[in-house]
Amino acid sequence: MKIVLNKCFGGFALSHGAYLYLCELKGIDVHAYLVDNKDDTFYFKKIDKSYKNSNAIERVWYLKNELPKMELSLEENWDFLEHIDLDFDGTNRADLDLVNTVEIFGGAVNIIYSNLTVVEIPNGNDFIIHENDGFESVVYGQNLGEA
């Protein structure tokens, strides 16, 4: 069985292009926005798959619906906002679409603080991912229980 681990200090994260590709594989319609905020206002810029992450601190929001406007204040009603959350914890690391994305994108799957790698463990095993400041290792076996 193949699973995906982050093999550097930092954290598990996909590049923008890889995230959009994974959403496409899963049939999820996604609207991506680069987000900046000053004082009590958030500013959004719509981005497409050609956008390249430029640094580790920029924020990209992946939303289910298009935003009605490109500026939103904290005082406004944000109930319409629905983030897309592709859960990368636990057994989801063996998700075939995630594994495919990492294999297809190679090094382009990573952002500045990630180094996603596909590793193989024997089929039929349970696994637990251990993390140390973003760097991950895996323990696998039968009936591992909870860590």
N, C-alpha and C. Protein backbone atom coordinates (compact mmCIF):
# COMPACT_ATOMS: atom_id res chain seq x y z
N MET A 1 0.85 -1.17 0.00
CA MET A 1 0.00 0.00 0.00
C MET A 1 0.90 1.23 0.00
N LYS A 2 0.53 2.23 -0.78
CA LYS A 2 1.28 3.47 -0.85
C LYS A 2 0.64 4.51 0.05
N ILE A 3 1.50 5.28 0.74
CA ILE A 3 1.03 6.40 1.55
C ILE A 3 1.96 7.59 1.29
N VAL A 4 1.50 8.77 1.64
CA VAL A 4 2.27 10.00 1.41
C VAL A 4 2.72 10.55 2.75
N LEU A 5 4.03 10.86 2.83
CA LEU A 5 4.63 11.46 4.03
C LEU A 5 5.34 12.75 3.65
N ASN A 6 5.48 13.64 4.62
CA ASN A 6 6.33 14.82 4.45
C ASN A 6 7.70 14.49 5.03
N LYS A 7 8.74 14.62 4.23
CA LYS A 7 10.07 14.23 4.66
C LYS A 7 11.00 15.42 4.87
N CYS A 8 10.46 16.53 5.36
CA CYS A 8 11.31 17.66 5.77
C CYS A 8 10.60 18.41 6.89
N PHE A 9 11.35 19.21 7.60
CA PHE A 9 10.76 20.01 8.66
C PHE A 9 9.93 21.11 8.04
N GLY A 10 8.77 21.37 8.59
CA GLY A 10 7.87 22.39 8.07
C GLY A 10 6.43 21.94 8.18
N GLY A 11 5.97 21.16 7.24
CA GLY A 11 4.59 20.71 7.31
C GLY A 11 4.10 20.10 6.02
N PHE A 12 3.02 19.36 6.12
CA PHE A 12 2.41 18.68 4.98
C PHE A 12 1.57 19.70 4.23
N ALA A 13 1.95 20.01 3.00
CA ALA A 13 1.18 20.94 2.17
C ALA A 13 1.46 20.68 0.70
N LEU A 14 0.43 20.85 -0.11
CA LEU A 14 0.54 20.70 -1.56
C LEU A 14 0.72 22.06 -2.21
N SER A 15 1.43 22.08 -3.33
CA SER A 15 1.51 23.30 -4.12
C SER A 15 0.11 23.63 -4.65
N HIS A 16 -0.05 24.86 -5.08
CA HIS A 16 -1.35 25.31 -5.58
C HIS A 16 -1.83 24.45 -6.75
N GLY A 17 -0.96 24.22 -7.72
CA GLY A 17 -1.33 23.41 -8.88
C GLY A 17 -1.72 22.00 -8.50
N ALA A 18 -0.97 21.41 -7.57
CA ALA A 18 -1.27 20.04 -7.12
C ALA A 18 -2.60 19.99 -6.37
N TYR A 19 -2.88 21.01 -5.56
CA TYR A 19 -4.15 21.05 -4.82
C TYR A 19 -5.33 21.10 -5.79
N LEU A 20 -5.21 21.96 -6.80
CA LEU A 20 -6.28 22.07 -7.80
C LEU A 20 -6.45 20.77 -8.58
N TYR A 21 -5.34 20.13 -8.91
CA TYR A 21 -5.39 18.85 -9.62
C TYR A 21 -6.09 17.79 -8.77
N LEU A 22 -5.76 17.73 -7.50
CA LEU A 22 -6.39 16.76 -6.60
C LEU A 22 -7.89 17.02 -6.49
N CYS A 23 -8.28 18.28 -6.41
CA CYS A 23 -9.71 18.61 -6.39
C CYS A 23 -10.38 18.15 -7.67
N GLU A 24 -9.71 18.33 -8.79
CA GLU A 24 -10.25 17.89 -10.09
C GLU A 24 -10.44 16.37 -10.10
N LEU A 25 -9.44 15.63 -9.60
CA LEU A 25 -9.56 14.17 -9.54
C LEU A 25 -10.77 13.74 -8.70
N LYS A 26 -11.05 14.50 -7.66
CA LYS A 26 -12.14 14.18 -6.75
C LYS A 26 -13.49 14.75 -7.21
N GLY A 27 -13.48 15.47 -8.35
CA GLY A 27 -14.72 16.04 -8.88
C GLY A 27 -15.22 17.22 -8.07
N ILE A 28 -14.30 17.93 -7.42
CA ILE A 28 -14.68 19.08 -6.59
C ILE A 28 -14.46 20.36 -7.39
N ASP A 29 -15.51 21.15 -7.53
CA ASP A 29 -15.41 22.46 -8.17
C ASP A 29 -14.78 23.41 -7.16
N VAL A 30 -13.69 24.05 -7.53
CA VAL A 30 -12.95 24.88 -6.58
C VAL A 30 -12.73 26.28 -7.14
N HIS A 31 -12.79 27.26 -6.24
CA HIS A 31 -12.51 28.65 -6.57
C HIS A 31 -11.39 29.09 -5.64
N ALA A 32 -10.25 29.45 -6.23
CA ALA A 32 -9.05 29.76 -5.44
C ALA A 32 -8.82 31.27 -5.41
N TYR A 33 -8.47 31.75 -4.21
CA TYR A 33 -8.22 33.17 -4.00
C TYR A 33 -6.97 33.38 -3.17
N LEU A 34 -6.15 34.32 -3.59
CA LEU A 34 -5.04 34.79 -2.79
C LEU A 34 -5.62 35.81 -1.81
N VAL A 35 -5.26 35.68 -0.53
CA VAL A 35 -5.90 36.48 0.52
C VAL A 35 -4.86 37.37 1.20
N ASP A 36 -5.26 38.62 1.41
CA ASP A 36 -4.45 39.56 2.18
C ASP A 36 -5.41 40.32 3.08
N ASN A 37 -4.95 40.71 4.25
CA ASN A 37 -5.83 41.52 5.10
C ASN A 37 -5.06 42.68 5.71
N LYS A 38 -5.76 43.79 5.80
CA LYS A 38 -5.24 44.99 6.43
C LYS A 38 -6.35 45.56 7.29
N ASP A 39 -6.01 45.84 8.53
CA ASP A 39 -6.98 46.34 9.50
C ASP A 39 -8.14 45.36 9.58
N ASP A 40 -9.35 45.79 9.29
CA ASP A 40 -10.52 44.93 9.42
C ASP A 40 -11.08 44.50 8.07
N THR A 41 -10.26 44.55 7.01
CA THR A 41 -10.74 44.21 5.68
C THR A 41 -9.85 43.13 5.07
N PHE A 42 -10.51 42.15 4.45
CA PHE A 42 -9.81 41.09 3.71
C PHE A 42 -9.93 41.40 2.22
N TYR A 43 -8.82 41.25 1.51
CA TYR A 43 -8.77 41.50 0.07
C TYR A 43 -8.47 40.18 -0.63
N PHE A 44 -9.19 39.91 -1.70
CA PHE A 44 -9.08 38.65 -2.41
C PHE A 44 -8.71 38.89 -3.87
N LYS A 45 -7.89 38.00 -4.39
CA LYS A 45 -7.54 38.02 -5.81
C LYS A 45 -7.75 36.61 -6.34
N LYS A 46 -8.62 36.47 -7.33
CA LYS A 46 -8.90 35.15 -7.91
C LYS A 46 -7.66 34.68 -8.66
N ILE A 47 -7.29 33.41 -8.43
CA ILE A 47 -6.13 32.84 -9.12
C ILE A 47 -6.54 31.53 -9.79
N ASP A 48 -5.80 31.17 -10.83
CA ASP A 48 -6.09 29.92 -11.53
C ASP A 48 -4.92 28.96 -11.37
N LYS A 49 -4.92 27.88 -12.14
CA LYS A 49 -3.90 26.85 -11.96
C LYS A 49 -2.52 27.28 -12.42
N SER A 50 -2.41 28.38 -13.16
CA SER A 50 -1.10 28.86 -13.58
C SER A 50 -0.37 29.61 -12.46
N TYR A 51 -1.07 29.93 -11.38
CA TYR A 51 -0.45 30.65 -10.27
C TYR A 51 0.60 29.77 -9.57
N LYS A 52 1.76 30.34 -9.29
CA LYS A 52 2.83 29.63 -8.58
C LYS A 52 2.99 30.25 -7.19
N ASN A 53 3.01 29.40 -6.16
CA ASN A 53 3.25 29.89 -4.81
C ASN A 53 4.58 30.65 -4.80
N SER A 54 4.57 31.87 -4.24
CA SER A 54 5.80 32.65 -4.25
C SER A 54 6.52 32.62 -2.90
N ASN A 55 5.80 32.35 -1.83
CA ASN A 55 6.47 32.26 -0.53
C ASN A 55 5.63 31.45 0.44
N ALA A 56 6.19 31.15 1.58
CA ALA A 56 5.55 30.25 2.54
C ALA A 56 4.46 30.93 3.36
N ILE A 57 4.45 32.27 3.41
CA ILE A 57 3.48 32.93 4.28
C ILE A 57 2.24 33.42 3.55
N GLU A 58 2.22 33.34 2.23
CA GLU A 58 1.02 33.77 1.53
C GLU A 58 -0.13 32.82 1.83
N ARG A 59 -1.33 33.34 1.76
CA ARG A 59 -2.51 32.52 2.07
C ARG A 59 -3.37 32.36 0.82
N VAL A 60 -3.68 31.11 0.52
CA VAL A 60 -4.61 30.81 -0.57
C VAL A 60 -5.81 30.12 0.06
N TRP A 61 -7.00 30.63 -0.24
CA TRP A 61 -8.23 30.00 0.23
C TRP A 61 -8.86 29.27 -0.94
N TYR A 62 -9.27 28.02 -0.68
CA TYR A 62 -9.95 27.19 -1.67
C TYR A 62 -11.41 27.10 -1.24
N LEU A 63 -12.28 27.67 -2.06
CA LEU A 63 -13.69 27.82 -1.69
C LEU A 63 -14.60 27.04 -2.62
N LYS A 64 -15.76 26.66 -2.08
CA LYS A 64 -16.75 25.92 -2.87
C LYS A 64 -17.50 26.83 -3.84
N ASN A 65 -17.62 28.12 -3.51
CA ASN A 65 -18.37 29.05 -4.34
C ASN A 65 -17.55 30.30 -4.61
N GLU A 66 -17.88 30.98 -5.70
CA GLU A 66 -17.20 32.24 -5.99
C GLU A 66 -17.60 33.28 -4.97
N LEU A 67 -16.68 34.19 -4.69
CA LEU A 67 -16.98 35.28 -3.76
C LEU A 67 -17.84 36.32 -4.45
N PRO A 68 -18.78 36.92 -3.71
CA PRO A 68 -19.63 37.94 -4.33
C PRO A 68 -18.89 39.25 -4.59
N LYS A 69 -17.78 39.48 -3.85
CA LYS A 69 -16.97 40.67 -4.06
C LYS A 69 -15.55 40.40 -3.55
N MET A 70 -14.61 41.24 -3.94
CA MET A 70 -13.20 40.99 -3.65
C MET A 70 -12.71 41.66 -2.37
N GLU A 71 -13.58 42.37 -1.67
CA GLU A 71 -13.24 42.95 -0.38
C GLU A 71 -14.34 42.60 0.61
N LEU A 72 -13.95 42.13 1.78
CA LEU A 72 -14.92 41.81 2.82
C LEU A 72 -14.41 42.34 4.15
N SER A 73 -15.25 43.04 4.86
CA SER A 73 -14.86 43.54 6.18
C SER A 73 -15.27 42.53 7.24
N LEU A 74 -14.63 42.63 8.39
CA LEU A 74 -14.95 41.72 9.48
C LEU A 74 -16.39 41.90 9.98
N GLU A 75 -16.96 43.06 9.78
CA GLU A 75 -18.32 43.32 10.25
C GLU A 75 -19.40 42.69 9.38
N GLU A 76 -19.02 42.23 8.19
CA GLU A 76 -20.00 41.63 7.27
C GLU A 76 -20.34 40.21 7.66
N ASN A 77 -21.44 39.72 7.13
CA ASN A 77 -21.86 38.33 7.35
C ASN A 77 -21.06 37.44 6.39
N TRP A 78 -20.32 36.49 6.97
CA TRP A 78 -19.46 35.59 6.19
C TRP A 78 -20.07 34.19 6.07
N ASP A 79 -21.34 34.02 6.35
CA ASP A 79 -21.96 32.70 6.37
C ASP A 79 -21.91 31.99 5.02
N PHE A 80 -21.80 32.73 3.93
CA PHE A 80 -21.77 32.15 2.59
C PHE A 80 -20.44 31.45 2.30
N LEU A 81 -19.42 31.72 3.10
CA LEU A 81 -18.07 31.23 2.84
C LEU A 81 -17.94 29.76 3.23
N GLU A 82 -17.62 28.90 2.26
CA GLU A 82 -17.41 27.47 2.53
C GLU A 82 -16.05 27.06 1.99
N HIS A 83 -15.14 26.76 2.90
CA HIS A 83 -13.80 26.30 2.51
C HIS A 83 -13.86 24.83 2.07
N ILE A 84 -12.98 24.48 1.17
CA ILE A 84 -12.80 23.09 0.79
C ILE A 84 -11.70 22.54 1.69
N ASP A 85 -12.00 21.49 2.41
CA ASP A 85 -11.03 20.91 3.33
C ASP A 85 -10.73 19.48 2.90
N LEU A 86 -9.59 19.31 2.24
CA LEU A 86 -9.14 17.97 1.89
C LEU A 86 -8.32 17.47 3.08
N ASP A 87 -8.90 16.61 3.86
CA ASP A 87 -8.29 16.14 5.10
C ASP A 87 -7.10 15.22 4.80
N PHE A 88 -5.91 15.66 5.19
CA PHE A 88 -4.70 14.88 4.92
C PHE A 88 -4.18 14.17 6.16
N ASP A 89 -5.03 13.97 7.15
CA ASP A 89 -4.61 13.29 8.38
C ASP A 89 -4.88 11.79 8.28
N GLY A 90 -4.15 11.03 9.07
CA GLY A 90 -4.40 9.61 9.27
C GLY A 90 -4.47 8.80 8.00
N THR A 91 -5.52 7.95 7.92
CA THR A 91 -5.65 7.01 6.82
C THR A 91 -5.83 7.69 5.46
N ASN A 92 -6.20 8.96 5.46
CA ASN A 92 -6.35 9.68 4.19
C ASN A 92 -5.03 9.82 3.44
N ARG A 93 -3.92 9.56 4.11
CA ARG A 93 -2.62 9.62 3.45
C ARG A 93 -2.45 8.48 2.46
N ALA A 94 -3.32 7.48 2.52
CA ALA A 94 -3.30 6.38 1.55
C ALA A 94 -4.31 6.61 0.43
N ASP A 95 -4.94 7.75 0.40
CA ASP A 95 -5.93 8.08 -0.63
C ASP A 95 -5.28 7.96 -2.01
N LEU A 96 -5.89 7.19 -2.88
CA LEU A 96 -5.31 6.93 -4.20
C LEU A 96 -5.14 8.20 -5.03
N ASP A 97 -6.08 9.13 -4.92
CA ASP A 97 -5.96 10.39 -5.66
C ASP A 97 -4.79 11.21 -5.15
N LEU A 98 -4.59 11.23 -3.84
CA LEU A 98 -3.45 11.94 -3.26
C LEU A 98 -2.13 11.31 -3.72
N VAL A 99 -2.04 9.99 -3.63
CA VAL A 99 -0.83 9.28 -4.06
C VAL A 99 -0.56 9.57 -5.54
N ASN A 100 -1.59 9.49 -6.37
CA ASN A 100 -1.45 9.78 -7.81
C ASN A 100 -0.92 11.19 -8.04
N THR A 101 -1.49 12.15 -7.33
CA THR A 101 -1.07 13.54 -7.48
C THR A 101 0.40 13.71 -7.16
N VAL A 102 0.85 13.14 -6.05
CA VAL A 102 2.26 13.25 -5.66
C VAL A 102 3.16 12.57 -6.69
N GLU A 103 2.75 11.41 -7.19
CA GLU A 103 3.56 10.71 -8.19
C GLU A 103 3.62 11.48 -9.51
N ILE A 104 2.51 12.05 -9.93
CA ILE A 104 2.47 12.77 -11.21
C ILE A 104 3.24 14.09 -11.13
N PHE A 105 3.07 14.84 -10.05
CA PHE A 105 3.69 16.16 -9.93
C PHE A 105 5.17 16.08 -9.54
N GLY A 106 5.58 14.99 -8.92
CA GLY A 106 6.98 14.91 -8.48
C GLY A 106 7.31 16.06 -7.55
N GLY A 107 8.47 16.68 -7.75
CA GLY A 107 8.90 17.79 -6.90
C GLY A 107 8.00 19.01 -6.98
N ALA A 108 7.25 19.16 -8.06
CA ALA A 108 6.35 20.31 -8.21
C ALA A 108 5.14 20.23 -7.29
N VAL A 109 4.98 19.11 -6.57
CA VAL A 109 3.88 18.97 -5.62
C VAL A 109 4.14 19.77 -4.34
N ASN A 110 5.41 20.11 -4.10
CA ASN A 110 5.83 20.72 -2.84
C ASN A 110 5.77 22.24 -2.85
N ILE A 111 5.62 22.80 -1.64
CA ILE A 111 5.86 24.22 -1.45
C ILE A 111 7.17 24.33 -0.67
N ILE A 112 7.54 25.52 -0.28
CA ILE A 112 8.87 25.75 0.28
C ILE A 112 9.17 24.92 1.53
N TYR A 113 8.16 24.60 2.33
CA TYR A 113 8.42 23.86 3.56
C TYR A 113 7.83 22.46 3.56
N SER A 114 7.72 21.85 2.38
CA SER A 114 7.25 20.46 2.33
C SER A 114 8.10 19.67 1.33
N ASN A 115 8.19 18.39 1.59
CA ASN A 115 8.87 17.46 0.69
C ASN A 115 8.06 16.16 0.71
N LEU A 116 6.96 16.17 -0.04
CA LEU A 116 6.04 15.04 -0.02
C LEU A 116 6.62 13.87 -0.80
N THR A 117 6.54 12.69 -0.18
CA THR A 117 7.13 11.49 -0.73
C THR A 117 6.16 10.33 -0.59
N VAL A 118 6.06 9.52 -1.62
CA VAL A 118 5.25 8.31 -1.56
C VAL A 118 6.13 7.18 -1.04
N VAL A 119 5.65 6.51 0.01
CA VAL A 119 6.36 5.34 0.55
C VAL A 119 5.41 4.15 0.50
N GLU A 120 5.98 2.97 0.45
CA GLU A 120 5.17 1.75 0.41
C GLU A 120 5.31 0.99 1.71
N ILE A 121 4.16 0.51 2.18
CA ILE A 121 4.14 -0.40 3.32
C ILE A 121 3.37 -1.64 2.86
N PRO A 122 3.56 -2.77 3.53
CA PRO A 122 2.85 -3.98 3.11
C PRO A 122 1.33 -3.80 3.17
N ASN A 123 0.64 -4.31 2.17
CA ASN A 123 -0.82 -4.25 2.14
C ASN A 123 -1.42 -4.91 3.37
N GLY A 124 -2.56 -4.39 3.80
CA GLY A 124 -3.28 -4.97 4.91
C GLY A 124 -2.80 -4.52 6.28
N ASN A 125 -1.81 -3.65 6.34
CA ASN A 125 -1.29 -3.16 7.62
C ASN A 125 -1.98 -1.87 8.03
N ASP A 126 -2.14 -1.71 9.33
CA ASP A 126 -2.53 -0.42 9.89
C ASP A 126 -1.28 0.43 9.92
N PHE A 127 -1.46 1.75 9.98
CA PHE A 127 -0.27 2.60 10.10
C PHE A 127 -0.58 3.83 10.95
N ILE A 128 0.46 4.31 11.58
CA ILE A 128 0.40 5.54 12.36
C ILE A 128 1.53 6.43 11.88
N ILE A 129 1.19 7.67 11.57
CA ILE A 129 2.21 8.63 11.13
C ILE A 129 2.66 9.43 12.34
N HIS A 130 3.97 9.42 12.58
CA HIS A 130 4.56 10.23 13.65
C HIS A 130 5.17 11.47 13.02
N GLU A 131 4.99 12.59 13.71
CA GLU A 131 5.45 13.86 13.17
C GLU A 131 6.33 14.56 14.20
N ASN A 132 7.44 15.13 13.74
CA ASN A 132 8.33 15.92 14.57
C ASN A 132 8.60 17.23 13.85
N ASP A 133 7.91 18.29 14.25
CA ASP A 133 8.07 19.61 13.61
C ASP A 133 7.87 19.54 12.10
N GLY A 134 6.93 18.71 11.67
CA GLY A 134 6.60 18.57 10.25
C GLY A 134 7.23 17.38 9.57
N PHE A 135 8.38 16.93 10.05
CA PHE A 135 9.07 15.76 9.47
C PHE A 135 8.34 14.50 9.94
N GLU A 136 7.97 13.64 8.99
CA GLU A 136 7.12 12.49 9.33
C GLU A 136 7.82 11.15 9.10
N SER A 137 7.43 10.20 9.93
CA SER A 137 7.82 8.80 9.75
C SER A 137 6.57 7.96 9.99
N VAL A 138 6.63 6.70 9.61
CA VAL A 138 5.45 5.84 9.74
C VAL A 138 5.82 4.56 10.49
N VAL A 139 4.88 4.13 11.32
CA VAL A 139 4.97 2.84 11.98
C VAL A 139 3.79 2.04 11.44
N TYR A 140 4.03 0.78 11.06
CA TYR A 140 2.94 -0.01 10.52
C TYR A 140 2.98 -1.42 11.11
N GLY A 141 1.82 -2.08 11.07
CA GLY A 141 1.69 -3.42 11.59
C GLY A 141 0.22 -3.78 11.73
N GLN A 142 -0.05 -4.89 12.36
CA GLN A 142 -1.43 -5.35 12.55
C GLN A 142 -1.95 -4.86 13.90
N ASN A 143 -3.20 -4.40 13.92
CA ASN A 143 -3.88 -4.00 15.15
C ASN A 143 -3.06 -3.05 16.01
N LEU A 144 -2.64 -1.96 15.43
CA LEU A 144 -1.79 -1.01 16.15
C LEU A 144 -2.54 -0.24 17.23
N GLY A 145 -3.82 -0.07 17.07
CA GLY A 145 -4.58 0.71 18.06
C GLY A 145 -4.31 2.19 17.89
N GLU A 146 -4.56 2.95 18.93
CA GLU A 146 -4.39 4.40 18.91
C GLU A 146 -3.02 4.79 19.45
N ALA A 147 -2.45 5.82 18.88
CA ALA A 147 -1.16 6.34 19.38
C ALA A 147 -1.39 7.40 20.42
